C-alpha atoms as a PDB file:
ATOM      1  CA  MET A   1       0.000   0.000   0.000  1.00  0.00           C
ATOM      2  CA  TRP A   2       2.110   2.912   1.202  1.00  0.00           C
ATOM      3  CA  GLY A   3       5.785   2.508   0.891  1.00  0.00           C
ATOM      4  CA  VAL A   4       8.837   4.485   1.718  1.00  0.00           C
ATOM      5  CA  PRO A   5      10.424   5.961  -1.393  1.00  0.00           C
ATOM      6  CA  PRO A   6      13.792   4.304  -2.054  1.00  0.00           C
ATOM      7  CA  ALA A   7      15.654   7.595  -1.665  1.00  0.00           C
ATOM      8  CA  LEU A   8      14.353   7.986   1.897  1.00  0.00           C
ATOM      9  CA  ASN A   9      15.292   4.408   2.715  1.00  0.00           C
ATOM     10  CA  ILE A  10      18.882   5.097   1.749  1.00  0.00           C
ATOM     11  CA  GLN A  11      19.273   8.535   3.319  1.00  0.00           C
ATOM     12  CA  PHE A  12      17.436   7.970   6.588  1.00  0.00           C
ATOM     13  CA  LYS A  13      17.983   4.333   7.544  1.00  0.00           C
ATOM     14  CA  CYS A  14      18.435   5.200  11.217  1.00  0.00           C
ATOM     15  CA  ALA A  15      15.597   7.762  11.399  1.00  0.00           C
ATOM     16  CA  THR A  16      12.112   6.887  12.603  1.00  0.00           C
ATOM     17  CA  ALA A  17       9.237   8.574  10.807  1.00  0.00           C
ATOM     18  CA  TYR A  18       6.109   9.644  12.684  1.00  0.00           C
ATOM     19  CA  LEU A  19       2.794  10.786  11.273  1.00  0.00           C
ATOM     20  CA  ALA A  20       1.684  13.938  13.106  1.00  0.00           C
ATOM     21  CA  VAL A  21      -2.075  14.369  13.391  1.00  0.00           C
ATOM     22  CA  PRO A  22      -4.176  16.994  15.173  1.00  0.00           C
ATOM     23  CA  ILE A  23      -6.068  15.672  18.181  1.00  0.00           C
ATOM     24  CA  ALA A  24      -9.459  16.291  16.522  1.00  0.00           C
ATOM     25  CA  THR A  25      -8.448  14.101  13.567  1.00  0.00           C
ATOM     26  CA  TYR A  26      -7.078  11.426  15.868  1.00  0.00           C
ATOM     27  CA  GLU A  27     -10.272  11.338  17.929  1.00  0.00           C
ATOM     28  CA  SER A  28     -12.642  11.360  14.944  1.00  0.00           C
ATOM     29  CA  PHE A  29     -10.801   9.327  12.310  1.00  0.00           C
ATOM     30  CA  PHE A  30      -8.246   7.173  14.090  1.00  0.00           C
ATOM     31  CA  SER A  31     -10.805   5.959  16.634  1.00  0.00           C
ATOM     32  CA  ARG A  32     -12.488   3.943  13.851  1.00  0.00           C
ATOM     33  CA  GLU A  33     -11.738   0.269  13.368  1.00  0.00           C
ATOM     34  CA  LEU A  34     -10.258   0.418   9.840  1.00  0.00           C
ATOM     35  CA  PRO A  35      -7.732   3.208  10.524  1.00  0.00           C
ATOM     36  CA  GLN A  36      -6.692   1.476  13.765  1.00  0.00           C
ATOM     37  CA  ALA A  37      -6.151  -1.806  11.900  1.00  0.00           C
ATOM     38  CA  SER A  38      -4.124  -0.031   9.195  1.00  0.00           C
ATOM     39  CA  VAL A  39      -1.954   1.729  11.757  1.00  0.00           C
ATOM     40  CA  ARG A  40      -1.238  -1.604  13.469  1.00  0.00           C
ATOM     41  CA  GLN A  41      -0.651  -3.530  10.238  1.00  0.00           C
ATOM     42  CA  HIS A  42       1.725  -0.954   8.778  1.00  0.00           C
ATOM     43  CA  GLN A  43       3.289  -0.123  12.147  1.00  0.00           C
ATOM     44  CA  VAL A  44       2.606   3.574  11.696  1.00  0.00           C
ATOM     45  CA  LYS A  45       3.992   5.681  14.496  1.00  0.00           C
ATOM     46  CA  LEU A  46       1.847   8.660  15.462  1.00  0.00           C
ATOM     47  CA  ILE A  47       2.303  11.975  17.196  1.00  0.00           C
ATOM     48  CA  VAL A  48      -0.993  13.465  18.302  1.00  0.00           C
ATOM     49  CA  TYR A  49      -0.837  17.200  18.888  1.00  0.00           C
ATOM     50  CA  ASN A  50      -3.064  20.040  20.001  1.00  0.00           C
ATOM     51  CA  PRO A  51      -2.715  22.823  17.410  1.00  0.00           C
ATOM     52  CA  VAL A  52      -4.243  25.459  19.689  1.00  0.00           C
ATOM     53  CA  GLN A  53      -1.875  24.806  22.588  1.00  0.00           C
ATOM     54  CA  GLU A  54       0.957  23.881  20.213  1.00  0.00           C
ATOM     55  CA  ALA A  55       1.645  20.822  22.342  1.00  0.00           C
ATOM     56  CA  ILE A  56       2.130  17.117  21.812  1.00  0.00           C
ATOM     57  CA  VAL A  57      -0.693  15.186  23.456  1.00  0.00           C
ATOM     58  CA  LYS A  58       0.636  11.650  22.919  1.00  0.00           C
ATOM     59  CA  TRP A  59       3.238   9.589  21.115  1.00  0.00           C
ATOM     60  CA  ILE A  60       2.106   6.232  19.775  1.00  0.00           C
ATOM     61  CA  ASP A  61       4.853   3.788  18.806  1.00  0.00           C
END
């Protein structure tokens, strides 16, 4: 499905990528079964943030 472009694989082998999502999106979209299953299957790492407070709410590895 989604893959890492080969150039990123070469340049950033030791870096861990996180998908940053606003808390409203996390609570509305990522609380559903399909997005949760996709995140688990593809081992997507998330950073949930509050854009108003400009603060990270949670890290999900």
